[in-house]
């Protein structure tokens, strides 16, 4: 845990995705999410990223290691 909150944009500066190819995090429909998820799994701000995506209803891309479909499923489980 970094001590940052999802509302604090400072977590984005620490995100590993900011240092890699952004296209990996927004694959074409049916494209692989493996590379993006691999990067997310070793990211120190993965939790903040996921919380941000859930709070802001991000509909596209890999956020916090989860695809849009996985985030929808998680949101239903925690609601």
PDB file of N, CA and C in Angstrom:
ATOM      1  N   UNK A   1       0.841  -1.182   0.000  1.00  0.00           N
ATOM      2  CA  UNK A   1       0.000   0.000   0.000  1.00  0.00           C
ATOM      3  C   UNK A   1       0.885   1.244   0.000  1.00  0.00           C
ATOM      4  N   UNK A   2       0.520   2.206  -0.765  1.00  0.00           N
ATOM      5  CA  UNK A   2       1.348   3.394  -0.960  1.00  0.00           C
ATOM      6  C   UNK A   2       0.989   4.555  -0.051  1.00  0.00           C
ATOM      7  N   UNK A   3      -0.161   4.505   0.601  1.00  0.00           N
ATOM      8  CA  UNK A   3      -0.624   5.635   1.387  1.00  0.00           C
ATOM      9  C   UNK A   3      -1.397   6.636   0.547  1.00  0.00           C
ATOM     10  N   UNK A   4      -1.455   6.412  -0.757  1.00  0.00           N
ATOM     11  CA  UNK A   4      -2.228   7.266  -1.652  1.00  0.00           C
ATOM     12  C   UNK A   4      -3.636   6.724  -1.776  1.00  0.00           C
ATOM     13  N   UNK A   5      -4.558   7.592  -2.090  1.00  0.00           N
ATOM     14  CA  UNK A   5      -5.934   7.153  -2.301  1.00  0.00           C
ATOM     15  C   UNK A   5      -6.265   7.253  -3.783  1.00  0.00           C
ATOM     16  N   UNK A   6      -7.295   6.521  -4.239  1.00  0.00           N
ATOM     17  CA  UNK A   6      -7.685   6.603  -5.644  1.00  0.00           C
ATOM     18  C   UNK A   6      -8.064   8.020  -6.067  1.00  0.00           C
ATOM     19  N   UNK A   7      -8.535   8.839  -5.117  1.00  0.00           N
ATOM     20  CA  UNK A   7      -8.917  10.207  -5.435  1.00  0.00           C
ATOM     21  C   UNK A   7      -7.704  11.102  -5.639  1.00  0.00           C
ATOM     22  N   UNK A   8      -6.563  10.699  -5.095  1.00  0.00           N
ATOM     23  CA  UNK A   8      -5.323  11.452  -5.209  1.00  0.00           C
ATOM     24  C   UNK A   8      -4.624  11.034  -6.497  1.00  0.00           C
ATOM     25  N   UNK A   9      -4.521  11.911  -7.485  1.00  0.00           N
ATOM     26  CA  UNK A   9      -3.928  11.514  -8.767  1.00  0.00           C
ATOM     27  C   UNK A   9      -2.449  11.163  -8.681  1.00  0.00           C
ATOM     28  N   UNK A  10      -1.819  11.360  -7.544  1.00  0.00           N
ATOM     29  CA  UNK A  10      -0.407  11.031  -7.387  1.00  0.00           C
ATOM     30  C   UNK A  10      -0.104   9.560  -7.629  1.00  0.00           C
ATOM     31  N   UNK A  11      -1.075   8.682  -7.405  1.00  0.00           N
ATOM     32  CA  UNK A  11      -0.831   7.253  -7.637  1.00  0.00           C
ATOM     33  C   UNK A  11      -0.523   6.988  -9.102  1.00  0.00           C
ATOM     34  N   UNK A  12      -1.089   7.796  -9.995  1.00  0.00           N
ATOM     35  CA  UNK A  12      -0.891   7.577 -11.425  1.00  0.00           C
ATOM     36  C   UNK A  12       0.568   7.762 -11.831  1.00  0.00           C
ATOM     37  N   UNK A  13       1.287   8.613 -11.133  1.00  0.00           N
ATOM     38  CA  UNK A  13       2.703   8.824 -11.430  1.00  0.00           C
ATOM     39  C   UNK A  13       3.536   7.602 -11.068  1.00  0.00           C
ATOM     40  N   UNK A  14       3.051   6.794 -10.152  1.00  0.00           N
ATOM     41  CA  UNK A  14       3.772   5.596  -9.713  1.00  0.00           C
ATOM     42  C   UNK A  14       3.371   4.348 -10.496  1.00  0.00           C
ATOM     43  N   UNK A  15       2.362   4.471 -11.321  1.00  0.00           N
ATOM     44  CA  UNK A  15       1.832   3.320 -12.051  1.00  0.00           C
ATOM     45  C   UNK A  15       2.811   2.825 -13.114  1.00  0.00           C
ATOM     46  N   UNK A  16       3.022   1.516 -13.137  1.00  0.00           N
ATOM     47  CA  UNK A  16       3.924   0.933 -14.129  1.00  0.00           C
ATOM     48  C   UNK A  16       3.409   1.109 -15.554  1.00  0.00           C
ATOM     49  N   UNK A  17       2.105   1.187 -15.723  1.00  0.00           N
ATOM     50  CA  UNK A  17       1.550   1.343 -17.067  1.00  0.00           C
ATOM     51  C   UNK A  17       1.971   2.659 -17.699  1.00  0.00           C
ATOM     52  N   UNK A  18       2.281   3.647 -16.867  1.00  0.00           N
ATOM     53  CA  UNK A  18       2.725   4.937 -17.388  1.00  0.00           C
ATOM     54  C   UNK A  18       4.113   4.838 -18.016  1.00  0.00           C
ATOM     55  N   UNK A  19       4.802   3.742 -17.740  1.00  0.00           N
ATOM     56  CA  UNK A  19       6.151   3.544 -18.251  1.00  0.00           C
ATOM     57  C   UNK A  19       6.192   2.518 -19.386  1.00  0.00           C
ATOM     58  N   UNK A  20       5.028   2.049 -19.817  1.00  0.00           N
ATOM     59  CA  UNK A  20       4.966   1.014 -20.851  1.00  0.00           C
ATOM     60  C   UNK A  20       4.048   1.459 -21.989  1.00  0.00           C
ATOM     61  N   UNK A  21       3.894   0.612 -22.965  1.00  0.00           N
ATOM     62  CA  UNK A  21       3.068   0.897 -24.136  1.00  0.00           C
ATOM     63  C   UNK A  21       1.593   0.957 -23.733  1.00  0.00           C
ATOM     64  N   UNK A  22       0.954   2.113 -23.842  1.00  0.00           N
ATOM     65  CA  UNK A  22      -0.444   2.232 -23.425  1.00  0.00           C
ATOM     66  C   UNK A  22      -1.393   1.367 -24.255  1.00  0.00           C
ATOM     67  N   UNK A  23      -1.015   1.039 -25.462  1.00  0.00           N
ATOM     68  CA  UNK A  23      -1.887   0.206 -26.303  1.00  0.00           C
ATOM     69  C   UNK A  23      -2.104  -1.174 -25.713  1.00  0.00           C
ATOM     70  N   UNK A  24      -1.156  -1.664 -24.925  1.00  0.00           N
ATOM     71  CA  UNK A  24      -1.320  -2.972 -24.289  1.00  0.00           C
ATOM     72  C   UNK A  24      -2.496  -2.967 -23.318  1.00  0.00           C
ATOM     73  N   UNK A  25      -2.827  -1.796 -22.773  1.00  0.00           N
ATOM     74  CA  UNK A  25      -3.893  -1.686 -21.775  1.00  0.00           C
ATOM     75  C   UNK A  25      -5.258  -1.413 -22.403  1.00  0.00           C
ATOM     76  N   UNK A  26      -5.269  -1.190 -23.690  1.00  0.00           N
ATOM     77  CA  UNK A  26      -6.511  -0.959 -24.424  1.00  0.00           C
ATOM     78  C   UNK A  26      -6.495  -1.794 -25.704  1.00  0.00           C
ATOM     79  N   UNK A  27      -6.513  -3.131 -25.551  1.00  0.00           N
ATOM     80  CA  UNK A  27      -6.417  -4.005 -26.726  1.00  0.00           C
ATOM     81  C   UNK A  27      -7.676  -3.928 -27.592  1.00  0.00           C
ATOM     82  N   UNK A  28      -7.498  -4.262 -28.850  1.00  0.00           N
ATOM     83  CA  UNK A  28      -8.639  -4.366 -29.762  1.00  0.00           C
ATOM     84  C   UNK A  28      -9.590  -5.422 -29.230  1.00  0.00           C
ATOM     85  N   UNK A  29     -10.841  -5.351 -29.606  1.00  0.00           N
ATOM     86  CA  UNK A  29     -11.831  -6.337 -29.173  1.00  0.00           C
ATOM     87  C   UNK A  29     -11.324  -7.729 -29.537  1.00  0.00           C
ATOM     88  N   UNK A  30     -11.291  -8.603 -28.553  1.00  0.00           N
ATOM     89  CA  UNK A  30     -10.802  -9.966 -28.749  1.00  0.00           C
ATOM     90  C   UNK A  30      -9.297 -10.088 -28.635  1.00  0.00           C
ATOM     91  N   UNK A  31      -8.590  -8.950 -28.453  1.00  0.00           N
ATOM     92  CA  UNK A  31      -7.135  -8.965 -28.319  1.00  0.00           C
ATOM     93  C   UNK A  31      -6.706  -9.458 -26.946  1.00  0.00           C
ATOM     94  N   UNK A  32      -5.463  -9.806 -26.840  1.00  0.00           N
ATOM     95  CA  UNK A  32      -4.921 -10.338 -25.591  1.00  0.00           C
ATOM     96  C   UNK A  32      -4.742  -9.252 -24.531  1.00  0.00           C
ATOM     97  N   UNK A  33      -5.065  -9.601 -23.306  1.00  0.00           N
ATOM     98  CA  UNK A  33      -4.858  -8.706 -22.164  1.00  0.00           C
ATOM     99  C   UNK A  33      -3.703  -9.202 -21.297  1.00  0.00           C
ATOM    100  N   UNK A  34      -3.067 -10.272 -21.729  1.00  0.00           N
ATOM    101  CA  UNK A  34      -2.036 -10.940 -20.918  1.00  0.00           C
ATOM    102  C   UNK A  34      -0.892 -10.000 -20.527  1.00  0.00           C
ATOM    103  N   UNK A  35      -0.344  -9.268 -21.486  1.00  0.00           N
ATOM    104  CA  UNK A  35       0.802  -8.388 -21.202  1.00  0.00           C
ATOM    105  C   UNK A  35       0.416  -7.292 -20.212  1.00  0.00           C
ATOM    106  N   UNK A  36      -0.720  -6.661 -20.410  1.00  0.00           N
ATOM    107  CA  UNK A  36      -1.166  -5.599 -19.496  1.00  0.00           C
ATOM    108  C   UNK A  36      -1.373  -6.155 -18.091  1.00  0.00           C
ATOM    109  N   UNK A  37      -2.003  -7.298 -17.985  1.00  0.00           N
ATOM    110  CA  UNK A  37      -2.257  -7.885 -16.663  1.00  0.00           C
ATOM    111  C   UNK A  37      -0.952  -8.281 -15.983  1.00  0.00           C
ATOM    112  N   UNK A  38       0.027  -8.719 -16.760  1.00  0.00           N
ATOM    113  CA  UNK A  38       1.331  -9.073 -16.199  1.00  0.00           C
ATOM    114  C   UNK A  38       1.983  -7.831 -15.579  1.00  0.00           C
ATOM    115  N   UNK A  39       1.905  -6.707 -16.275  1.00  0.00           N
ATOM    116  CA  UNK A  39       2.457  -5.453 -15.756  1.00  0.00           C
ATOM    117  C   UNK A  39       1.711  -5.059 -14.478  1.00  0.00           C
ATOM    118  N   UNK A  40       0.402  -5.159 -14.497  1.00  0.00           N
ATOM    119  CA  UNK A  40      -0.409  -4.778 -13.336  1.00  0.00           C
ATOM    120  C   UNK A  40      -0.062  -5.597 -12.096  1.00  0.00           C
ATOM    121  N   UNK A  41       0.200  -6.873 -12.281  1.00  0.00           N
ATOM    122  CA  UNK A  41       0.444  -7.746 -11.132  1.00  0.00           C
ATOM    123  C   UNK A  41       1.678  -7.330 -10.333  1.00  0.00           C
ATOM    124  N   UNK A  42       2.619  -6.625 -10.958  1.00  0.00           N
ATOM    125  CA  UNK A  42       3.809  -6.198 -10.227  1.00  0.00           C
ATOM    126  C   UNK A  42       3.792  -4.699  -9.908  1.00  0.00           C
ATOM    127  N   UNK A  43       2.650  -4.059 -10.093  1.00  0.00           N
ATOM    128  CA  UNK A  43       2.530  -2.623  -9.876  1.00  0.00           C
ATOM    129  C   UNK A  43       2.157  -2.311  -8.424  1.00  0.00           C
ATOM    130  N   UNK A  44       2.858  -1.361  -7.839  1.00  0.00           N
ATOM    131  CA  UNK A  44       2.618  -0.987  -6.440  1.00  0.00           C
ATOM    132  C   UNK A  44       1.299  -0.262  -6.212  1.00  0.00           C
ATOM    133  N   UNK A  45       0.714   0.308  -7.239  1.00  0.00           N
ATOM    134  CA  UNK A  45      -0.527   1.072  -7.073  1.00  0.00           C
ATOM    135  C   UNK A  45      -1.715   0.377  -7.746  1.00  0.00           C
ATOM    136  N   UNK A  46      -1.620  -0.925  -7.899  1.00  0.00           N
ATOM    137  CA  UNK A  46      -2.686  -1.691  -8.545  1.00  0.00           C
ATOM    138  C   UNK A  46      -4.030  -1.508  -7.847  1.00  0.00           C
ATOM    139  N   UNK A  47      -4.039  -1.540  -6.524  1.00  0.00           N
ATOM    140  CA  UNK A  47      -5.285  -1.411  -5.771  1.00  0.00           C
ATOM    141  C   UNK A  47      -5.916  -0.032  -5.968  1.00  0.00           C
ATOM    142  N   UNK A  48      -5.097   1.021  -5.914  1.00  0.00           N
ATOM    143  CA  UNK A  48      -5.605   2.371  -6.121  1.00  0.00           C
ATOM    144  C   UNK A  48      -6.187   2.509  -7.534  1.00  0.00           C
ATOM    145  N   UNK A  49      -5.514   1.909  -8.490  1.00  0.00           N
ATOM    146  CA  UNK A  49      -5.961   1.947  -9.881  1.00  0.00           C
ATOM    147  C   UNK A  49      -7.322   1.256 -10.031  1.00  0.00           C
ATOM    148  N   UNK A  50      -7.445   0.080  -9.429  1.00  0.00           N
ATOM    149  CA  UNK A  50      -8.706  -0.648  -9.506  1.00  0.00           C
ATOM    150  C   UNK A  50      -9.825   0.132  -8.822  1.00  0.00           C
ATOM    151  N   UNK A  51      -9.552   0.671  -7.656  1.00  0.00           N
ATOM    152  CA  UNK A  51     -10.565   1.451  -6.944  1.00  0.00           C
ATOM    153  C   UNK A  51     -10.983   2.673  -7.754  1.00  0.00           C
ATOM    154  N   UNK A  52     -10.025   3.312  -8.411  1.00  0.00           N
ATOM    155  CA  UNK A  52     -10.326   4.460  -9.263  1.00  0.00           C
ATOM    156  C   UNK A  52     -11.255   4.041 -10.402  1.00  0.00           C
ATOM    157  N   UNK A  53     -10.915   2.941 -11.053  1.00  0.00           N
ATOM    158  CA  UNK A  53     -11.722   2.462 -12.185  1.00  0.00           C
ATOM    159  C   UNK A  53     -13.140   2.121 -11.747  1.00  0.00           C
ATOM    160  N   UNK A  54     -13.273   1.489 -10.598  1.00  0.00           N
ATOM    161  CA  UNK A  54     -14.607   1.131 -10.101  1.00  0.00           C
ATOM    162  C   UNK A  54     -15.399   2.382  -9.727  1.00  0.00           C
ATOM    163  N   UNK A  55     -14.755   3.324  -9.061  1.00  0.00           N
ATOM    164  CA  UNK A  55     -15.437   4.548  -8.627  1.00  0.00           C
ATOM    165  C   UNK A  55     -15.837   5.431  -9.804  1.00  0.00           C
ATOM    166  N   UNK A  56     -15.061   5.383 -10.883  1.00  0.00           N
ATOM    167  CA  UNK A  56     -15.312   6.249 -12.038  1.00  0.00           C
ATOM    168  C   UNK A  56     -15.937   5.512 -13.210  1.00  0.00           C
ATOM    169  N   UNK A  57     -16.347   4.291 -12.968  1.00  0.00           N
ATOM    170  CA  UNK A  57     -17.044   3.480 -13.974  1.00  0.00           C
ATOM    171  C   UNK A  57     -16.289   3.453 -15.298  1.00  0.00           C
ATOM    172  N   UNK A  58     -14.968   3.208 -15.219  1.00  0.00           N
ATOM    173  CA  UNK A  58     -14.160   3.088 -16.432  1.00  0.00           C
ATOM    174  C   UNK A  58     -14.655   1.898 -17.235  1.00  0.00           C
ATOM    175  N   UNK A  59     -14.992   2.119 -18.475  1.00  0.00           N
ATOM    176  CA  UNK A  59     -15.591   1.081 -19.298  1.00  0.00           C
ATOM    177  C   UNK A  59     -14.617   0.386 -20.236  1.00  0.00           C
ATOM    178  N   UNK A  60     -13.459   0.971 -20.447  1.00  0.00           N
ATOM    179  CA  UNK A  60     -12.518   0.397 -21.402  1.00  0.00           C
ATOM    180  C   UNK A  60     -11.156   0.202 -20.766  1.00  0.00           C
ATOM    181  N   UNK A  61     -10.444  -0.779 -21.234  1.00  0.00           N
ATOM    182  CA  UNK A  61      -9.067  -0.983 -20.828  1.00  0.00           C
ATOM    183  C   UNK A  61      -8.891  -1.850 -19.601  1.00  0.00           C
ATOM    184  N   UNK A  62      -7.636  -2.108 -19.326  1.00  0.00           N
ATOM    185  CA  UNK A  62      -7.242  -2.877 -18.146  1.00  0.00           C
ATOM    186  C   UNK A  62      -6.895  -1.872 -17.056  1.00  0.00           C
ATOM    187  N   UNK A  63      -7.559  -1.993 -15.934  1.00  0.00           N
ATOM    188  CA  UNK A  63      -7.335  -1.122 -14.779  1.00  0.00           C
ATOM    189  C   UNK A  63      -7.180  -2.016 -13.554  1.00  0.00           C
ATOM    190  N   UNK A  64      -6.115  -1.822 -12.809  1.00  0.00           N
ATOM    191  CA  UNK A  64      -5.908  -2.619 -11.604  1.00  0.00           C
ATOM    192  C   UNK A  64      -5.815  -4.111 -11.884  1.00  0.00           C
ATOM    193  N   UNK A  65      -5.435  -4.458 -13.087  1.00  0.00           N
ATOM    194  CA  UNK A  65      -5.275  -5.863 -13.444  1.00  0.00           C
ATOM    195  C   UNK A  65      -6.538  -6.552 -13.914  1.00  0.00           C
ATOM    196  N   UNK A  66      -7.630  -5.807 -14.041  1.00  0.00           N
ATOM    197  CA  UNK A  66      -8.897  -6.413 -14.448  1.00  0.00           C
ATOM    198  C   UNK A  66      -9.427  -5.775 -15.725  1.00  0.00           C
ATOM    199  N   UNK A  67     -10.051  -6.592 -16.537  1.00  0.00           N
ATOM    200  CA  UNK A  67     -10.710  -6.098 -17.749  1.00  0.00           C
ATOM    201  C   UNK A  67     -12.048  -5.472 -17.374  1.00  0.00           C
ATOM    202  N   UNK A  68     -12.676  -4.837 -18.339  1.00  0.00           N
ATOM    203  CA  UNK A  68     -13.975  -4.205 -18.081  1.00  0.00           C
ATOM    204  C   UNK A  68     -14.985  -5.252 -17.623  1.00  0.00           C
ATOM    205  N   UNK A  69     -15.002  -6.396 -18.251  1.00  0.00           N
ATOM    206  CA  UNK A  69     -15.924  -7.475 -17.868  1.00  0.00           C
ATOM    207  C   UNK A  69     -15.647  -7.956 -16.444  1.00  0.00           C
ATOM    208  N   UNK A  70     -14.372  -8.112 -16.103  1.00  0.00           N
ATOM    209  CA  UNK A  70     -14.006  -8.552 -14.754  1.00  0.00           C
ATOM    210  C   UNK A  70     -14.376  -7.501 -13.718  1.00  0.00           C
ATOM    211  N   UNK A  71     -14.227  -6.230 -14.066  1.00  0.00           N
ATOM    212  CA  UNK A  71     -14.622  -5.161 -13.132  1.00  0.00           C
ATOM    213  C   UNK A  71     -16.125  -5.139 -12.920  1.00  0.00           C
ATOM    214  N   UNK A  72     -16.893  -5.350 -13.994  1.00  0.00           N
ATOM    215  CA  UNK A  72     -18.365  -5.410 -13.858  1.00  0.00           C
ATOM    216  C   UNK A  72     -18.761  -6.537 -12.913  1.00  0.00           C
ATOM    217  N   UNK A  73     -18.134  -7.697 -13.095  1.00  0.00           N
ATOM    218  CA  UNK A  73     -18.434  -8.854 -12.243  1.00  0.00           C
ATOM    219  C   UNK A  73     -18.090  -8.549 -10.790  1.00  0.00           C
ATOM    220  N   UNK A  74     -16.925  -7.953 -10.556  1.00  0.00           N
ATOM    221  CA  UNK A  74     -16.518  -7.592  -9.208  1.00  0.00           C
ATOM    222  C   UNK A  74     -17.478  -6.590  -8.587  1.00  0.00           C
ATOM    223  N   UNK A  75     -17.890  -5.614  -9.361  1.00  0.00           N
ATOM    224  CA  UNK A  75     -18.820  -4.593  -8.864  1.00  0.00           C
ATOM    225  C   UNK A  75     -20.135  -5.221  -8.432  1.00  0.00           C
ATOM    226  N   UNK A  76     -20.620  -6.192  -9.203  1.00  0.00           N
ATOM    227  CA  UNK A  76     -21.859  -6.890  -8.825  1.00  0.00           C
ATOM    228  C   UNK A  76     -21.672  -7.663  -7.523  1.00  0.00           C
ATOM    229  N   UNK A  77     -20.498  -8.266  -7.334  1.00  0.00           N
ATOM    230  CA  UNK A  77     -20.235  -9.047  -6.136  1.00  0.00           C
ATOM    231  C   UNK A  77     -20.168  -8.187  -4.887  1.00  0.00           C
ATOM    232  N   UNK A  78     -19.633  -6.968  -5.026  1.00  0.00           N
ATOM    233  CA  UNK A  78     -19.470  -6.120  -3.837  1.00  0.00           C
ATOM    234  C   UNK A  78     -20.677  -5.210  -3.591  1.00  0.00           C
ATOM    235  N   UNK A  79     -21.618  -5.200  -4.520  1.00  0.00           N
ATOM    236  CA  UNK A  79     -22.816  -4.360  -4.344  1.00  0.00           C
ATOM    237  C   UNK A  79     -23.850  -5.046  -3.482  1.00  0.00           C
TER     238      UNK A  79
END
